[in-house]
Amino acid sequence: MSRTLVIGDIHGGLKALEQVLDRAQVTPNDLLIFLGDYVDGWGQSFEVINKLISLKSSHDCIFLRGNHDELFYDWLTKSKDNPNWLFHGGQATINSYADRPYNFIKIHIHFLENLENYYLDNQNRLFVHAGFTNVRGVEDEHFTKMFYWDRSLWETALASRDLSLEDKFYPERLKLYKEIFIGHTALSKININIPFQAANVWNVDTGAAFTNALTIMDVGTKEFWQSDPLPSLYPNEKGRN
């Protein structure tokens, strides 16, 4: 049977990506939805994007845009330095791309240019890297960068997790979609290392950029599989720690 599988923030961890695809026994019948942030952190950002491009030729894939992907794209295409980006994993990505053939670089630029800002399936389930701010939903979002920079959606979901839908204070944004799946804000910040639901929002960023594992989750059943913790896969690297 086909499954819809959602994959959290990879941050240059190719070894972790290969582990979760194997542990979930992914097949070409599955729809793979990647939540973004493919680069920055561990030392294989180039190889991660190569792997994703390869997967696209053999599997049904949706690739969403993360904030780190945009920062990297700006550096690739505009030589735009961002000291904050360099500190938060960008330098590892630059190192990963050093001396790569330009024909590969062009292919990767094309991949980054064609990332999606969000995906809404036929069951009214929304997939987005970070969030949105418009109370009418993603189609009416005025500030498209919010799709991969916003943190207010997740903060709102956390603050509303004990409210019922009938509560007059229940946020309108959270009523729009059956479920929302995000990455962007590592759950390790609240000492959680598995996918976590607040209201109708599922956060699948289990902190692979830092000291935890990468996660792939079956959207329908909520069964999930995880890689080994990233520091054990890259013992000579710091990631974003």
Protein backbone atom coordinates (compact mmCIF):
# COMPACT_ATOMS: atom_id res chain seq x y z
CA MET A 1 0.00 0.00 0.00
CA SER A 2 1.17 3.53 -0.69
CA ARG A 3 2.01 5.80 2.23
CA THR A 4 2.55 9.51 2.65
CA LEU A 5 5.83 9.94 4.51
CA VAL A 6 7.10 13.24 5.85
CA ILE A 7 10.80 13.84 6.53
CA GLY A 8 12.15 16.43 8.96
CA ASP A 9 15.08 18.84 8.62
CA ILE A 10 18.17 17.00 7.30
CA HIS A 11 20.86 19.70 7.64
CA GLY A 12 23.59 18.00 5.63
CA GLY A 13 23.21 14.58 7.28
CA LEU A 14 23.24 12.19 4.33
CA LYS A 15 24.00 9.17 6.51
CA ALA A 16 20.90 9.86 8.61
CA LEU A 17 18.75 10.32 5.51
CA GLU A 18 19.87 6.99 4.11
CA GLN A 19 19.17 5.31 7.46
CA VAL A 20 15.58 6.56 7.76
CA LEU A 21 14.75 5.69 4.16
CA ASP A 22 16.03 2.19 4.83
CA ARG A 23 14.40 1.79 8.26
CA ALA A 24 11.02 2.95 6.94
CA GLN A 25 11.41 0.52 4.02
CA VAL A 26 10.54 3.27 1.57
CA THR A 27 9.36 2.11 -1.85
CA PRO A 28 8.50 3.94 -5.10
CA ASN A 29 4.84 3.55 -4.10
CA ASP A 30 5.29 6.01 -1.22
CA LEU A 31 4.86 9.77 -1.48
CA LEU A 32 7.84 11.46 0.18
CA ILE A 33 7.36 14.99 1.50
CA PHE A 34 10.57 16.71 2.56
CA LEU A 35 10.03 19.68 4.88
CA GLY A 36 13.15 21.62 3.88
CA ASP A 37 16.48 22.64 5.41
CA TYR A 38 18.51 20.16 3.42
CA VAL A 39 21.79 21.98 4.03
CA ASP A 40 23.82 23.60 6.83
CA GLY A 41 25.12 21.66 9.80
CA TRP A 42 26.79 18.38 8.95
CA GLY A 43 29.38 18.00 6.23
CA GLN A 44 27.42 16.36 3.40
CA SER A 45 25.08 19.07 2.12
CA PHE A 46 26.27 18.55 -1.45
CA GLU A 47 25.66 14.80 -1.18
CA VAL A 48 22.23 15.34 0.40
CA ILE A 49 21.02 17.43 -2.51
CA ASN A 50 22.50 14.93 -4.96
CA LYS A 51 20.54 12.20 -3.17
CA LEU A 52 17.29 14.18 -3.30
CA ILE A 53 17.70 14.87 -7.02
CA SER A 54 18.29 11.16 -7.55
CA LEU A 55 15.23 10.23 -5.48
CA LYS A 56 13.10 12.51 -7.61
CA SER A 57 13.80 10.35 -10.62
CA SER A 58 12.65 7.14 -8.93
CA HIS A 59 10.08 8.22 -6.31
CA ASP A 60 7.11 10.55 -5.96
CA CYS A 61 8.62 13.47 -4.02
CA ILE A 62 7.58 16.91 -2.77
CA PHE A 63 10.48 19.17 -1.81
CA LEU A 64 9.62 22.17 0.35
CA ARG A 65 11.77 25.25 0.84
CA GLY A 66 13.49 25.85 4.17
CA ASN A 67 15.08 29.05 5.38
CA HIS A 68 18.55 27.49 5.23
CA ASP A 69 17.94 26.48 1.62
CA GLU A 70 17.13 30.09 0.72
CA LEU A 71 20.22 31.40 2.52
CA PHE A 72 22.38 28.89 0.68
CA TYR A 73 20.73 29.75 -2.65
CA ASP A 74 21.51 33.44 -2.07
CA TRP A 75 25.14 32.57 -1.46
CA LEU A 76 25.34 30.33 -4.54
CA THR A 77 23.71 32.78 -6.93
CA LYS A 78 24.59 36.20 -5.47
CA SER A 79 27.72 35.50 -3.41
CA LYS A 80 25.67 36.95 -0.58
CA ASP A 81 27.51 36.49 2.70
CA ASN A 82 25.47 36.30 5.86
CA PRO A 83 27.54 36.07 9.06
CA ASN A 84 24.61 34.66 11.01
CA TRP A 85 24.11 31.95 8.37
CA LEU A 86 27.81 31.07 8.40
CA PHE A 87 27.70 30.65 12.17
CA HIS A 88 24.55 28.50 12.06
CA GLY A 89 25.83 25.82 9.72
CA GLY A 90 26.49 27.69 6.50
CA GLN A 91 30.25 27.28 6.64
CA ALA A 92 29.88 23.49 6.58
CA THR A 93 27.80 23.82 3.42
CA ILE A 94 30.37 26.09 1.77
CA ASN A 95 33.06 23.54 2.62
CA SER A 96 30.92 20.74 1.18
CA TYR A 97 30.63 22.60 -2.14
CA ALA A 98 34.30 23.55 -2.45
CA ASP A 99 35.82 22.59 -5.81
CA ARG A 100 32.66 20.91 -7.11
CA PRO A 101 32.23 20.88 -10.93
CA TYR A 102 30.12 23.78 -12.13
CA ASN A 103 27.74 21.51 -14.04
CA PHE A 104 26.72 19.98 -10.70
CA ILE A 105 26.35 23.43 -9.16
CA LYS A 106 23.95 24.44 -11.95
CA ILE A 107 21.83 21.35 -11.37
CA HIS A 108 21.67 22.11 -7.65
CA ILE A 109 20.72 25.73 -8.29
CA HIS A 110 17.85 24.51 -10.48
CA PHE A 111 16.75 22.17 -7.68
CA LEU A 112 16.76 25.01 -5.13
CA GLU A 113 14.88 27.34 -7.49
CA ASN A 114 12.08 24.81 -7.88
CA LEU A 115 11.41 24.07 -4.21
CA GLU A 116 7.78 24.49 -3.16
CA ASN A 117 6.68 26.91 -0.43
CA TYR A 118 3.94 24.55 0.80
CA TYR A 119 1.95 21.48 -0.16
CA LEU A 120 -1.75 20.99 0.53
CA ASP A 121 -3.05 17.49 -0.14
CA ASN A 122 -6.55 16.30 -1.05
CA GLN A 123 -7.31 15.53 2.60
CA ASN A 124 -6.75 19.16 3.62
CA ARG A 125 -3.43 18.36 5.27
CA LEU A 126 -0.89 21.17 5.00
CA PHE A 127 2.86 20.65 4.79
CA VAL A 128 5.09 23.70 5.22
CA HIS A 129 8.59 24.24 6.53
CA ALA A 130 7.77 26.88 9.14
CA GLY A 131 4.26 28.31 9.05
CA PHE A 132 2.01 31.08 7.73
CA THR A 133 0.42 34.19 9.20
CA ASN A 134 -2.73 34.94 7.22
CA VAL A 135 -5.92 33.87 9.01
CA ARG A 136 -7.43 32.90 5.63
CA GLY A 137 -4.66 30.43 4.94
CA VAL A 138 -1.64 29.85 2.77
CA GLU A 139 -3.27 30.91 -0.50
CA ASP A 140 -3.75 34.41 0.94
CA GLU A 141 -0.36 34.77 2.62
CA HIS A 142 1.03 38.25 1.91
CA PHE A 143 4.53 37.51 3.17
CA THR A 144 5.76 34.41 1.37
CA LYS A 145 9.01 34.27 3.35
CA MET A 146 6.85 33.32 6.34
CA PHE A 147 6.40 29.87 4.81
CA TYR A 148 10.02 29.15 5.72
CA TRP A 149 10.78 31.68 8.48
CA ASP A 150 7.68 31.92 10.68
CA ARG A 151 7.74 30.54 14.22
CA SER A 152 4.45 32.02 15.42
CA LEU A 153 2.37 29.11 14.07
CA TRP A 154 4.24 26.61 16.24
CA GLU A 155 4.22 28.94 19.26
CA THR A 156 0.47 29.42 18.79
CA ALA A 157 -0.09 25.66 18.58
CA LEU A 158 1.92 25.06 21.75
CA ALA A 159 0.00 27.76 23.61
CA SER A 160 -3.33 26.32 22.39
CA ARG A 161 -2.72 22.65 23.03
CA ASP A 162 -5.14 22.51 25.97
CA LEU A 163 -7.93 24.46 24.27
CA SER A 164 -10.92 22.81 22.61
CA LEU A 165 -12.05 23.75 19.12
CA GLU A 166 -15.16 25.27 20.67
CA ASP A 167 -13.18 27.59 22.92
CA LYS A 168 -13.68 31.21 21.84
CA PHE A 169 -9.93 31.76 22.17
CA TYR A 170 -8.98 28.87 19.85
CA PRO A 171 -6.82 30.37 17.03
CA GLU A 172 -8.51 30.78 13.67
CA ARG A 173 -5.36 29.70 11.80
CA LEU A 174 -5.51 26.28 13.39
CA LYS A 175 -9.09 25.66 12.22
CA LEU A 176 -8.25 25.90 8.53
CA TYR A 177 -6.56 22.55 7.99
CA LYS A 178 -7.15 19.01 9.16
CA GLU A 179 -3.50 18.69 10.14
CA ILE A 180 -0.36 20.77 9.63
CA PHE A 181 3.13 19.27 9.41
CA ILE A 182 6.17 21.47 9.98
CA GLY A 183 9.89 21.46 10.67
CA HIS A 184 12.03 24.55 11.31
CA THR A 185 11.92 24.70 15.12
CA ALA A 186 13.91 21.86 16.62
CA LEU A 187 11.99 19.95 19.27
CA SER A 188 15.25 19.49 21.14
CA LYS A 189 14.73 23.08 22.32
CA ILE A 190 11.95 21.72 24.57
CA ASN A 191 13.78 18.46 25.34
CA ILE A 192 11.69 16.33 22.98
CA ASN A 193 13.34 13.93 20.53
CA ILE A 194 10.35 12.39 18.72
CA PRO A 195 7.59 13.97 16.59
CA PHE A 196 5.29 16.05 18.76
CA GLN A 197 1.72 17.23 18.25
CA ALA A 198 0.35 20.52 19.61
CA ALA A 199 -3.25 21.27 18.65
CA ASN A 200 -3.44 20.02 15.04
CA VAL A 201 0.21 20.84 14.27
CA TRP A 202 2.82 18.08 14.06
CA ASN A 203 6.45 19.14 14.41
CA VAL A 204 8.80 16.62 12.77
CA ASP A 205 12.08 18.51 13.32
CA THR A 206 13.58 16.27 15.98
CA GLY A 207 16.89 18.12 16.13
CA ALA A 208 19.06 16.31 13.59
CA ALA A 209 21.09 19.50 13.15
CA PHE A 210 22.14 19.27 16.78
CA THR A 211 22.43 16.13 18.95
CA ASN A 212 19.32 14.13 18.04
CA ALA A 213 18.08 11.94 15.21
CA LEU A 214 16.46 12.56 11.84
CA THR A 215 12.84 11.41 11.63
CA ILE A 216 10.56 10.09 8.90
CA MET A 217 6.87 9.68 9.80
CA ASP A 218 3.85 8.02 8.22
CA VAL A 219 1.31 10.84 8.02
CA GLY A 220 -1.65 8.48 8.19
CA THR A 221 -0.67 6.19 11.06
CA LYS A 222 1.86 8.46 12.85
CA GLU A 223 4.32 5.56 12.97
CA PHE A 224 7.83 6.94 12.71
CA TRP A 225 11.40 5.80 12.22
CA GLN A 226 14.59 7.56 13.27
CA SER A 227 18.24 7.54 12.38
CA ASP A 228 21.02 7.20 14.88
CA PRO A 229 21.82 10.50 16.63
CA LEU A 230 23.76 12.63 14.15
CA PRO A 231 26.86 13.16 16.33
CA SER A 232 27.38 9.38 16.33
CA LEU A 233 27.25 9.37 12.52
CA TYR A 234 29.63 12.34 12.23
CA PRO A 235 31.89 11.98 15.30
CA ASN A 236 34.52 14.40 13.97
CA GLU A 237 32.05 17.21 13.24
CA LYS A 238 30.11 19.69 15.35
CA GLY A 239 26.95 20.08 13.27
CA ARG A 240 25.13 23.17 14.49
CA ASN A 241 26.19 22.58 18.11
